[in-house]
Amino acid sequence: MMNAGIIPPEPGYLEGVREITRAHGALLAFDEVKTGLTIHPGGATGAFGVTPDVVALAKALGGGLPCGAIGGTEDAMSMIIDGSLEQVGTFNGNPLTMAAARANLTEVLTKDAYDELDRIRAVFQGCDDVIAEFRLPASMKLLGAKGSIDWHTEPIHEYRDLWDIDDRIPQLAWLWQLNRGVFKSPGSKWESWTSSIVHTNDDVRRYVDNFQEMADVITA
């Protein structure tokens, strides 16, 4: 889940769902709109090693253009190929979108790009050091290009855990970053981000330094 910070699946959860769906002849679908290409070149499918029957992709696939795609196993997609299921849409195969997605996959999101994302993620780790140093009621999660800081004394396991968060703290964190050169998505109960291959270590260092400065002030 990534609409509540980052909530990765518990160990064995995806494997268990895969077993249950197979046992009952049901298809397993992964919504990888947010995880596709961002947490791993193979998305959550590649990161967690569980293969669904159908996968949905968007956002990162288009490299900035509106884009969506579906894919699946040979068995699942054969229903479309043999005509059992008609798959139609107004913008199916839009030439501009397809060209952008192809360029993004072959020329932008290369192995070097993912290596750079790994290096950037290592700099973000500095926020975890700040949380420990100032004993903040928060925790951080990092997954590929994604990251989040949860202002909660215990790690977030489901969206209900967010209800206990005092909105004023993450809103302050958002404004603090904004006033010091870091513009993020609108503030909410959770603080999350998606790093880009054009971000540098200095960009991330600014975020970490801002976070440390705020921690020093609010705990003084």
Protein backbone atom coordinates (compact mmCIF):
# COMPACT_ATOMS: atom_id res chain seq x y z
CA MET A 1 0.00 0.00 0.00
CA MET A 2 1.26 3.46 -0.86
CA ASN A 3 -1.72 5.69 -0.12
CA ALA A 4 -0.90 5.50 3.58
CA GLY A 5 2.80 6.02 3.49
CA ILE A 6 4.53 2.76 2.57
CA ILE A 7 3.00 -0.43 3.95
CA PRO A 8 4.86 -3.45 2.55
CA PRO A 9 3.22 -6.88 2.66
CA GLU A 10 3.95 -8.97 5.72
CA PRO A 11 6.29 -11.93 5.09
CA GLY A 12 4.32 -14.77 3.49
CA TYR A 13 1.22 -12.68 2.77
CA LEU A 14 1.55 -12.51 -1.02
CA GLU A 15 2.61 -16.14 -1.19
CA GLY A 16 -0.47 -17.08 0.82
CA VAL A 17 -2.80 -15.11 -1.44
CA ARG A 18 -1.18 -16.77 -4.46
CA GLU A 19 -1.84 -20.22 -2.99
CA ILE A 20 -5.47 -19.41 -2.13
CA THR A 21 -6.31 -18.01 -5.56
CA ARG A 22 -4.78 -21.00 -7.32
CA ALA A 23 -6.62 -23.40 -5.05
CA HIS A 24 -9.96 -21.80 -5.96
CA GLY A 25 -9.26 -21.16 -9.63
CA ALA A 26 -9.30 -17.39 -9.21
CA LEU A 27 -7.04 -14.90 -10.95
CA LEU A 28 -4.59 -12.88 -8.84
CA ALA A 29 -4.21 -9.25 -9.97
CA PHE A 30 -1.54 -6.81 -8.81
CA ASP A 31 -2.32 -3.10 -8.91
CA GLU A 32 1.16 -1.77 -9.65
CA VAL A 33 0.18 1.79 -10.50
CA LYS A 34 2.52 3.04 -7.75
CA THR A 35 4.93 0.14 -7.35
CA GLY A 36 5.51 -0.61 -11.03
CA LEU A 37 9.08 0.33 -12.06
CA THR A 38 9.57 2.43 -8.92
CA ILE A 39 10.46 -0.12 -6.26
CA HIS A 40 12.20 -2.54 -8.66
CA PRO A 41 12.64 -2.89 -12.44
CA GLY A 42 10.00 -5.63 -12.19
CA GLY A 43 7.79 -3.73 -9.75
CA ALA A 44 6.32 -5.56 -6.77
CA THR A 45 6.22 -8.71 -8.91
CA GLY A 46 10.00 -8.64 -9.19
CA ALA A 47 10.68 -7.24 -5.73
CA PHE A 48 8.67 -9.86 -3.82
CA GLY A 49 9.05 -12.79 -6.19
CA VAL A 50 5.33 -13.58 -6.47
CA THR A 51 3.89 -13.67 -10.00
CA PRO A 52 0.26 -12.59 -10.42
CA ASP A 53 -1.99 -13.57 -13.32
CA VAL A 54 -2.70 -9.96 -14.26
CA VAL A 55 -0.82 -6.74 -13.56
CA ALA A 56 -1.80 -3.09 -14.05
CA LEU A 57 0.84 -0.40 -14.62
CA ALA A 58 0.71 3.38 -14.92
CA LYS A 59 2.44 6.60 -13.78
CA ALA A 60 6.17 5.73 -13.90
CA LEU A 61 5.66 3.77 -17.11
CA GLY A 62 4.89 6.90 -19.13
CA GLY A 63 7.81 8.97 -17.90
CA GLY A 64 5.54 11.98 -17.31
CA LEU A 65 2.86 11.32 -19.92
CA PRO A 66 -0.54 9.89 -18.94
CA CYS A 67 -0.09 6.18 -19.46
CA GLY A 68 -1.52 2.86 -18.41
CA ALA A 69 -0.94 -0.75 -19.34
CA ILE A 70 -2.13 -4.22 -18.44
CA GLY A 71 -0.30 -7.48 -18.82
CA GLY A 72 -0.47 -11.01 -17.59
CA THR A 73 0.47 -14.62 -17.91
CA GLU A 74 -0.03 -16.45 -21.19
CA ASP A 75 -3.06 -18.23 -19.76
CA ALA A 76 -4.71 -15.03 -18.54
CA MET A 77 -4.03 -13.01 -21.69
CA SER A 78 -5.05 -15.85 -24.02
CA MET A 79 -8.69 -14.90 -23.35
CA ILE A 80 -8.03 -11.66 -25.22
CA ILE A 81 -5.92 -13.25 -27.94
CA ASP A 82 -8.50 -15.92 -28.80
CA GLY A 83 -11.39 -13.44 -28.66
CA SER A 84 -13.14 -14.86 -25.60
CA LEU A 85 -12.76 -11.47 -23.94
CA GLU A 86 -12.90 -8.24 -25.92
CA GLN A 87 -10.41 -5.63 -24.74
CA VAL A 88 -11.16 -2.21 -26.24
CA GLY A 89 -10.61 1.41 -25.27
CA THR A 90 -10.60 4.91 -26.74
CA PHE A 91 -6.88 5.49 -26.16
CA ASN A 92 -5.61 1.94 -26.61
CA GLY A 93 -2.16 1.98 -28.17
CA ASN A 94 -1.94 5.80 -28.34
CA PRO A 95 1.21 6.36 -30.47
CA LEU A 96 2.64 9.21 -28.38
CA THR A 97 2.13 7.35 -25.10
CA MET A 98 3.62 4.15 -26.50
CA ALA A 99 6.65 6.01 -27.86
CA ALA A 100 7.21 7.69 -24.51
CA ALA A 101 6.86 4.40 -22.61
CA ARG A 102 9.27 2.64 -24.96
CA ALA A 103 11.88 5.40 -24.62
CA ASN A 104 11.42 5.42 -20.85
CA LEU A 105 11.89 1.66 -20.55
CA THR A 106 14.82 1.34 -22.92
CA GLU A 107 16.73 4.61 -22.50
CA VAL A 108 15.82 6.11 -19.13
CA LEU A 109 15.17 3.33 -16.64
CA THR A 110 18.44 1.53 -17.26
CA LYS A 111 20.50 -0.50 -14.80
CA ASP A 112 22.63 2.59 -14.15
CA ALA A 113 19.47 4.52 -13.29
CA TYR A 114 18.45 1.94 -10.69
CA ASP A 115 21.98 1.91 -9.30
CA GLU A 116 21.68 5.69 -8.87
CA LEU A 117 18.33 5.28 -7.10
CA ASP A 118 20.03 2.87 -4.71
CA ARG A 119 22.69 5.47 -3.93
CA ILE A 120 20.07 8.16 -3.37
CA ARG A 121 18.11 5.86 -1.06
CA ALA A 122 21.23 5.38 1.04
CA VAL A 123 21.40 9.16 1.62
CA PHE A 124 17.75 9.18 2.75
CA GLN A 125 18.82 6.74 5.46
CA GLY A 126 20.10 9.82 7.28
CA CYS A 127 16.50 10.58 8.30
CA ASP A 128 16.41 7.34 10.26
CA ASP A 129 19.54 8.44 12.11
CA VAL A 130 17.81 11.74 12.97
CA ILE A 131 14.75 9.88 14.28
CA ALA A 132 17.00 7.83 16.56
CA GLU A 133 19.16 10.77 17.66
CA PHE A 134 16.23 12.99 18.66
CA ARG A 135 13.99 10.12 19.78
CA LEU A 136 11.19 11.25 17.50
CA PRO A 137 7.82 9.45 17.62
CA ALA A 138 8.28 8.39 14.02
CA SER A 139 9.61 5.65 11.77
CA MET A 140 10.85 5.58 8.20
CA LYS A 141 10.36 3.08 5.40
CA LEU A 142 12.40 2.95 2.18
CA LEU A 143 11.52 0.81 -0.83
CA GLY A 144 13.19 1.43 -4.19
CA ALA A 145 12.55 5.03 -5.23
CA LYS A 146 9.82 5.34 -2.58
CA GLY A 147 10.09 6.45 0.99
CA SER A 148 7.92 7.62 3.86
CA ILE A 149 8.18 8.94 7.38
CA ASP A 150 5.29 7.97 9.62
CA TRP A 151 4.71 10.23 12.62
CA HIS A 152 3.53 7.36 14.76
CA THR A 153 5.18 5.69 17.73
CA GLU A 154 4.74 2.26 16.17
CA PRO A 155 5.27 1.22 12.52
CA ILE A 156 2.17 1.61 10.34
CA HIS A 157 0.65 -1.75 9.34
CA GLU A 158 -2.70 -0.62 7.93
CA TYR A 159 -4.56 2.58 7.10
CA ARG A 160 -6.43 2.56 10.43
CA ASP A 161 -3.13 3.15 12.20
CA LEU A 162 -3.02 6.59 10.59
CA TRP A 163 -6.06 7.79 12.51
CA ASP A 164 -3.97 8.28 15.66
CA ILE A 165 -1.50 10.64 13.97
CA ASP A 166 -1.62 14.30 14.98
CA ASP A 167 -2.02 16.07 11.63
CA ARG A 168 -0.13 19.12 12.85
CA ILE A 169 3.23 17.35 12.88
CA PRO A 170 3.35 16.09 9.26
CA GLN A 171 1.83 19.40 8.11
CA LEU A 172 4.65 21.24 9.88
CA ALA A 173 7.18 18.87 8.29
CA TRP A 174 5.73 19.65 4.84
CA LEU A 175 5.85 23.42 5.39
CA TRP A 176 9.33 23.20 6.87
CA GLN A 177 10.64 21.47 3.75
CA LEU A 178 8.71 23.80 1.41
CA ASN A 179 10.17 26.92 3.03
CA ARG A 180 13.66 25.48 2.66
CA GLY A 181 13.64 24.52 -0.99
CA VAL A 182 11.99 21.09 -1.05
CA PHE A 183 8.58 21.01 -2.74
CA LYS A 184 6.72 17.77 -2.12
CA SER A 185 3.23 16.47 -2.73
CA PRO A 186 0.57 18.13 -0.53
CA GLY A 187 0.89 17.48 3.17
CA SER A 188 -1.18 14.74 4.78
CA LYS A 189 -1.11 12.41 7.77
CA TRP A 190 1.91 10.67 6.24
CA GLU A 191 5.07 12.06 4.71
CA SER A 192 6.08 10.23 1.54
CA TRP A 193 8.11 10.76 -1.60
CA THR A 194 9.22 9.25 -4.88
CA SER A 195 12.80 10.06 -5.79
CA SER A 196 13.78 10.64 -9.41
CA ILE A 197 16.84 9.64 -11.39
CA VAL A 198 17.56 13.36 -11.86
CA HIS A 199 17.81 13.94 -8.11
CA THR A 200 21.34 14.23 -6.81
CA ASN A 201 22.85 13.34 -3.47
CA ASP A 202 22.85 17.07 -2.69
CA ASP A 203 19.08 17.23 -3.28
CA VAL A 204 18.46 14.41 -0.84
CA ARG A 205 21.00 15.83 1.59
CA ARG A 206 18.97 19.05 1.68
CA TYR A 207 15.88 17.05 2.65
CA VAL A 208 17.78 15.23 5.41
CA ASP A 209 19.38 18.45 6.69
CA ASN A 210 15.98 20.17 6.78
CA PHE A 211 14.55 17.22 8.68
CA GLN A 212 17.37 17.34 11.19
CA GLU A 213 16.96 21.10 11.70
CA MET A 214 13.23 20.66 12.33
CA ALA A 215 13.87 17.81 14.77
CA ASP A 216 16.31 19.98 16.70
CA VAL A 217 13.76 22.81 16.97
CA ILE A 218 10.69 20.78 17.95
CA THR A 219 12.59 18.83 20.64
CA ALA A 220 14.44 21.82 22.10
